[in-house]
Amino acid sequence: MGEQATLHLICGKIAAGKSTLARRLAEAPDTILIREDFWLSELYGEQMQTLADYVKFSEKLRTTLEPHIVELLRAGLSVVLDFPANTIAYRLWMRRVFETAGSAHLLHLIDVSDDVCKARLKERNASGEHEFQVSDDQFDRVSRHFQPPTEAEGFTIRVHTS
C-alpha cells in the first residue's frame, strides 16, 4: 500500500457505464468496490417500487455504510463507490466521507449522450443481468435530476467520454 487511499466517485446517467468503469477501477491493488445496486437489491428488492422508495432506501444505505467506508479508507484501502454521484446532495455526502477519512478522491464523470445511454439500457435490460430493469420513461424522469459537477464544487474530476 504505497499510494494514498482514494475514494473513487462516479457521475453519469443511467447506463452511461458507471458500473463498468467501477469494476475496472476496482481491479487496482488494495481497492474495494461497493455497489449500491447490489446492496439495495439484496436488502430492499421488492420494497423498491418508486423513485421515492429508491431515495429513502439509498439514504438509509449511505448512512449505514458511511462509517465502514471511512474505516476502509483510513486503513489504506482505496474504495470505488458504484453509487451515482449525480446530484449535489449525493456529492456532499461523498465529500464528507473522504474528508472524514482524510483520503484523496477522484470524481469520474462519464459524459455520453442520452441516446448512447438508452441504447446501452436496452441491452442491459435484455440481458437480465442487472439488478434493476429501467424503462426509457424512468430514464427520462431520473435524468431530469442529473446535475453534472461544476468546478465550484472543488472536486478533482476526470472526464470519460466513451
C-alpha atoms as a PDB file:
ATOM      1  CA  MET A   1       0.000   0.000   0.000  1.00  0.00           C
ATOM      2  CA  GLY A   2       2.337   2.682  -1.255  1.00  0.00           C
ATOM      3  CA  GLU A   3      -0.116   5.284  -2.515  1.00  0.00           C
ATOM      4  CA  GLN A   4      -2.650   7.264  -0.501  1.00  0.00           C
ATOM      5  CA  ALA A   5      -6.072   5.662  -0.288  1.00  0.00           C
ATOM      6  CA  THR A   6      -8.508   7.215  -2.758  1.00  0.00           C
ATOM      7  CA  LEU A   7     -12.278   7.389  -2.780  1.00  0.00           C
ATOM      8  CA  HIS A   8     -13.407   6.987  -6.402  1.00  0.00           C
ATOM      9  CA  LEU A   9     -16.767   8.623  -7.167  1.00  0.00           C
ATOM     10  CA  ILE A  10     -18.645   8.083 -10.418  1.00  0.00           C
ATOM     11  CA  CYS A  11     -21.051  10.511 -12.058  1.00  0.00           C
ATOM     12  CA  GLY A  12     -23.093   9.600 -15.130  1.00  0.00           C
ATOM     13  CA  LYS A  13     -26.641   8.958 -16.204  1.00  0.00           C
ATOM     14  CA  ILE A  14     -28.299   5.550 -16.059  1.00  0.00           C
ATOM     15  CA  ALA A  15     -26.455   3.062 -18.331  1.00  0.00           C
ATOM     16  CA  ALA A  16     -23.665   5.543 -19.073  1.00  0.00           C
ATOM     17  CA  GLY A  17     -21.145   2.913 -17.990  1.00  0.00           C
ATOM     18  CA  LYS A  18     -20.699   3.682 -14.278  1.00  0.00           C
ATOM     19  CA  SER A  19     -20.646   0.056 -13.136  1.00  0.00           C
ATOM     20  CA  THR A  20     -18.324  -0.990 -15.955  1.00  0.00           C
ATOM     21  CA  LEU A  21     -15.894   1.779 -15.010  1.00  0.00           C
ATOM     22  CA  ALA A  22     -16.266   0.926 -11.304  1.00  0.00           C
ATOM     23  CA  ARG A  23     -15.314  -2.707 -11.920  1.00  0.00           C
ATOM     24  CA  ARG A  24     -12.292  -1.603 -13.943  1.00  0.00           C
ATOM     25  CA  LEU A  25     -11.144   0.836 -11.239  1.00  0.00           C
ATOM     26  CA  ALA A  26     -11.581  -1.840  -8.572  1.00  0.00           C
ATOM     27  CA  GLU A  27      -9.017  -4.053 -10.321  1.00  0.00           C
ATOM     28  CA  ALA A  28      -6.257  -1.844  -8.868  1.00  0.00           C
ATOM     29  CA  PRO A  29      -4.351  -3.320  -5.918  1.00  0.00           C
ATOM     30  CA  ASP A  30      -5.733  -2.596  -2.436  1.00  0.00           C
ATOM     31  CA  THR A  31      -9.047  -1.395  -3.842  1.00  0.00           C
ATOM     32  CA  ILE A  32     -12.555  -2.321  -2.700  1.00  0.00           C
ATOM     33  CA  LEU A  33     -15.730  -1.986  -4.798  1.00  0.00           C
ATOM     34  CA  ILE A  34     -19.020  -1.130  -3.089  1.00  0.00           C
ATOM     35  CA  ARG A  35     -22.047  -1.413  -5.399  1.00  0.00           C
ATOM     36  CA  GLU A  36     -25.219   0.424  -4.396  1.00  0.00           C
ATOM     37  CA  ASP A  37     -27.478  -1.561  -6.746  1.00  0.00           C
ATOM     38  CA  PHE A  38     -26.324  -4.873  -5.260  1.00  0.00           C
ATOM     39  CA  TRP A  39     -26.947  -3.777  -1.667  1.00  0.00           C
ATOM     40  CA  LEU A  40     -30.289  -2.112  -2.447  1.00  0.00           C
ATOM     41  CA  SER A  41     -31.468  -5.172  -4.353  1.00  0.00           C
ATOM     42  CA  GLU A  42     -30.377  -7.599  -1.634  1.00  0.00           C
ATOM     43  CA  LEU A  43     -31.723  -5.556   1.280  1.00  0.00           C
ATOM     44  CA  TYR A  44     -34.844  -3.907  -0.144  1.00  0.00           C
ATOM     45  CA  GLY A  45     -35.586  -5.588  -3.512  1.00  0.00           C
ATOM     46  CA  GLU A  46     -39.380  -5.857  -3.655  1.00  0.00           C
ATOM     47  CA  GLN A  47     -39.864  -2.819  -1.411  1.00  0.00           C
ATOM     48  CA  MET A  48     -38.367  -0.535  -4.073  1.00  0.00           C
ATOM     49  CA  GLN A  49     -41.192   0.338  -6.436  1.00  0.00           C
ATOM     50  CA  THR A  50     -40.847   4.109  -6.956  1.00  0.00           C
ATOM     51  CA  LEU A  51     -38.190   6.794  -7.243  1.00  0.00           C
ATOM     52  CA  ALA A  52     -39.207   7.911  -3.729  1.00  0.00           C
ATOM     53  CA  ASP A  53     -38.520   4.367  -2.471  1.00  0.00           C
ATOM     54  CA  TYR A  54     -35.074   4.483  -4.065  1.00  0.00           C
ATOM     55  CA  VAL A  55     -34.310   7.837  -2.433  1.00  0.00           C
ATOM     56  CA  LYS A  56     -35.410   6.582   1.004  1.00  0.00           C
ATOM     57  CA  PHE A  57     -33.531   3.280   0.867  1.00  0.00           C
ATOM     58  CA  SER A  58     -30.441   4.795  -0.733  1.00  0.00           C
ATOM     59  CA  GLU A  59     -30.241   7.337   2.107  1.00  0.00           C
ATOM     60  CA  LYS A  60     -30.531   4.541   4.674  1.00  0.00           C
ATOM     61  CA  LEU A  61     -27.821   2.524   2.927  1.00  0.00           C
ATOM     62  CA  ARG A  62     -25.446   5.506   2.700  1.00  0.00           C
ATOM     63  CA  THR A  63     -25.928   6.334   6.381  1.00  0.00           C
ATOM     64  CA  THR A  64     -25.250   2.722   7.318  1.00  0.00           C
ATOM     65  CA  LEU A  65     -22.160   2.280   5.142  1.00  0.00           C
ATOM     66  CA  GLU A  66     -20.526   5.655   5.767  1.00  0.00           C
ATOM     67  CA  PRO A  67     -18.508   4.727   8.888  1.00  0.00           C
ATOM     68  CA  HIS A  68     -17.392   1.472   7.236  1.00  0.00           C
ATOM     69  CA  ILE A  69     -16.189   3.298   4.115  1.00  0.00           C
ATOM     70  CA  VAL A  70     -14.318   5.817   6.274  1.00  0.00           C
ATOM     71  CA  GLU A  71     -12.579   2.968   8.132  1.00  0.00           C
ATOM     72  CA  LEU A  72     -11.608   1.225   4.882  1.00  0.00           C
ATOM     73  CA  LEU A  73     -10.029   4.453   3.622  1.00  0.00           C
ATOM     74  CA  ARG A  74      -8.271   5.071   6.942  1.00  0.00           C
ATOM     75  CA  ALA A  75      -6.899   1.519   6.761  1.00  0.00           C
ATOM     76  CA  GLY A  76      -5.208   2.459   3.483  1.00  0.00           C
ATOM     77  CA  LEU A  77      -7.621   0.773   1.096  1.00  0.00           C
ATOM     78  CA  SER A  78      -8.995   2.687  -1.856  1.00  0.00           C
ATOM     79  CA  VAL A  79     -12.746   2.473  -2.338  1.00  0.00           C
ATOM     80  CA  VAL A  80     -14.696   2.632  -5.573  1.00  0.00           C
ATOM     81  CA  LEU A  81     -18.240   3.749  -4.831  1.00  0.00           C
ATOM     82  CA  ASP A  82     -20.552   2.465  -7.533  1.00  0.00           C
ATOM     83  CA  PHE A  83     -23.150   4.938  -6.296  1.00  0.00           C
ATOM     84  CA  PRO A  84     -24.377   7.695  -8.614  1.00  0.00           C
ATOM     85  CA  ALA A  85     -22.550  10.950  -7.847  1.00  0.00           C
ATOM     86  CA  ASN A  86     -25.281  12.570  -9.947  1.00  0.00           C
ATOM     87  CA  THR A  87     -26.578  15.303  -7.669  1.00  0.00           C
ATOM     88  CA  ILE A  88     -25.019  17.943  -5.476  1.00  0.00           C
ATOM     89  CA  ALA A  89     -26.586  16.302  -2.407  1.00  0.00           C
ATOM     90  CA  TYR A  90     -25.038  12.891  -3.154  1.00  0.00           C
ATOM     91  CA  ARG A  91     -21.673  14.510  -3.822  1.00  0.00           C
ATOM     92  CA  LEU A  92     -21.856  16.384  -0.499  1.00  0.00           C
ATOM     93  CA  TRP A  93     -22.234  13.026   1.247  1.00  0.00           C
ATOM     94  CA  MET A  94     -19.289  11.620  -0.705  1.00  0.00           C
ATOM     95  CA  ARG A  95     -17.193  14.684   0.167  1.00  0.00           C
ATOM     96  CA  ARG A  96     -17.976  14.153   3.859  1.00  0.00           C
ATOM     97  CA  VAL A  97     -16.747  10.551   3.566  1.00  0.00           C
ATOM     98  CA  PHE A  98     -13.341  11.338   2.050  1.00  0.00           C
ATOM     99  CA  GLU A  99     -12.817  14.423   4.201  1.00  0.00           C
ATOM    100  CA  THR A 100     -13.666  12.489   7.388  1.00  0.00           C
ATOM    101  CA  ALA A 101     -11.256   9.743   6.314  1.00  0.00           C
ATOM    102  CA  GLY A 102      -8.552  12.204   5.297  1.00  0.00           C
ATOM    103  CA  SER A 103      -8.209  10.417   1.976  1.00  0.00           C
ATOM    104  CA  ALA A 104      -7.748  11.526  -1.591  1.00  0.00           C
ATOM    105  CA  HIS A 105     -10.660  11.463  -4.009  1.00  0.00           C
ATOM    106  CA  LEU A 106     -11.281  11.346  -7.739  1.00  0.00           C
ATOM    107  CA  LEU A 107     -14.646  12.096  -9.320  1.00  0.00           C
ATOM    108  CA  HIS A 108     -15.062  10.246 -12.608  1.00  0.00           C
ATOM    109  CA  LEU A 109     -17.565  11.985 -14.904  1.00  0.00           C
ATOM    110  CA  ILE A 110     -18.915   9.791 -17.696  1.00  0.00           C
ATOM    111  CA  ASP A 111     -20.040  12.152 -20.443  1.00  0.00           C
ATOM    112  CA  VAL A 112     -22.055  10.250 -23.064  1.00  0.00           C
ATOM    113  CA  SER A 113     -25.272  11.171 -24.846  1.00  0.00           C
ATOM    114  CA  ASP A 114     -28.758  10.150 -23.767  1.00  0.00           C
ATOM    115  CA  ASP A 115     -29.048   8.130 -26.986  1.00  0.00           C
ATOM    116  CA  VAL A 116     -25.963   6.088 -26.069  1.00  0.00           C
ATOM    117  CA  CYS A 117     -27.305   5.566 -22.541  1.00  0.00           C
ATOM    118  CA  LYS A 118     -30.710   4.429 -23.810  1.00  0.00           C
ATOM    119  CA  ALA A 119     -29.133   2.015 -26.302  1.00  0.00           C
ATOM    120  CA  ARG A 120     -26.992   0.537 -23.512  1.00  0.00           C
ATOM    121  CA  LEU A 121     -30.048   0.429 -21.256  1.00  0.00           C
ATOM    122  CA  LYS A 122     -31.976  -1.642 -23.800  1.00  0.00           C
ATOM    123  CA  GLU A 123     -29.052  -4.094 -23.978  1.00  0.00           C
ATOM    124  CA  ARG A 124     -28.755  -4.213 -20.190  1.00  0.00           C
ATOM    125  CA  ASN A 125     -32.484  -4.820 -19.722  1.00  0.00           C
ATOM    126  CA  ALA A 126     -32.459  -7.550 -22.388  1.00  0.00           C
ATOM    127  CA  SER A 127     -29.522  -9.329 -20.745  1.00  0.00           C
ATOM    128  CA  GLY A 128     -31.371  -9.634 -17.436  1.00  0.00           C
ATOM    129  CA  GLU A 129     -28.040  -9.469 -15.620  1.00  0.00           C
ATOM    130  CA  HIS A 130     -28.599  -6.150 -13.830  1.00  0.00           C
ATOM    131  CA  GLU A 131     -30.416  -5.959 -10.509  1.00  0.00           C
ATOM    132  CA  PHE A 132     -32.983  -3.464 -11.818  1.00  0.00           C
ATOM    133  CA  GLN A 133     -34.897  -3.017 -15.071  1.00  0.00           C
ATOM    134  CA  VAL A 134     -35.277   0.625 -16.152  1.00  0.00           C
ATOM    135  CA  SER A 135     -37.662   1.875 -18.846  1.00  0.00           C
ATOM    136  CA  ASP A 136     -37.000   4.826 -21.168  1.00  0.00           C
ATOM    137  CA  ASP A 137     -39.637   6.764 -19.211  1.00  0.00           C
ATOM    138  CA  GLN A 138     -37.857   6.042 -15.921  1.00  0.00           C
ATOM    139  CA  PHE A 139     -34.560   7.037 -17.530  1.00  0.00           C
ATOM    140  CA  ASP A 140     -36.072  10.379 -18.568  1.00  0.00           C
ATOM    141  CA  ARG A 141     -37.607  11.026 -15.133  1.00  0.00           C
ATOM    142  CA  VAL A 142     -34.386  10.221 -13.274  1.00  0.00           C
ATOM    143  CA  SER A 143     -32.234  12.139 -15.762  1.00  0.00           C
ATOM    144  CA  ARG A 144     -34.170  15.334 -15.024  1.00  0.00           C
ATOM    145  CA  HIS A 145     -32.464  15.313 -11.609  1.00  0.00           C
ATOM    146  CA  PHE A 146     -28.949  14.865 -13.049  1.00  0.00           C
ATOM    147  CA  GLN A 147     -26.560  17.655 -12.037  1.00  0.00           C
ATOM    148  CA  PRO A 148     -23.101  17.421 -13.587  1.00  0.00           C
ATOM    149  CA  PRO A 149     -20.339  18.565 -11.242  1.00  0.00           C
ATOM    150  CA  THR A 150     -19.009  22.093 -11.534  1.00  0.00           C
ATOM    151  CA  GLU A 151     -15.565  23.471 -10.755  1.00  0.00           C
ATOM    152  CA  ALA A 152     -17.133  25.426  -7.883  1.00  0.00           C
ATOM    153  CA  GLU A 153     -17.759  22.138  -6.041  1.00  0.00           C
ATOM    154  CA  GLY A 154     -13.989  21.682  -5.745  1.00  0.00           C
ATOM    155  CA  PHE A 155     -13.668  18.048  -6.837  1.00  0.00           C
ATOM    156  CA  THR A 156     -10.752  16.553  -8.709  1.00  0.00           C
ATOM    157  CA  ILE A 157     -12.553  15.431 -11.891  1.00  0.00           C
ATOM    158  CA  ARG A 158     -11.545  13.007 -14.620  1.00  0.00           C
ATOM    159  CA  VAL A 159     -13.850  13.019 -17.671  1.00  0.00           C
ATOM    160  CA  HIS A 160     -14.577   9.785 -19.581  1.00  0.00           C
ATOM    161  CA  THR A 161     -16.269  10.098 -22.979  1.00  0.00           C
ATOM    162  CA  SER A 162     -16.643   6.511 -24.156  1.00  0.00           C
END
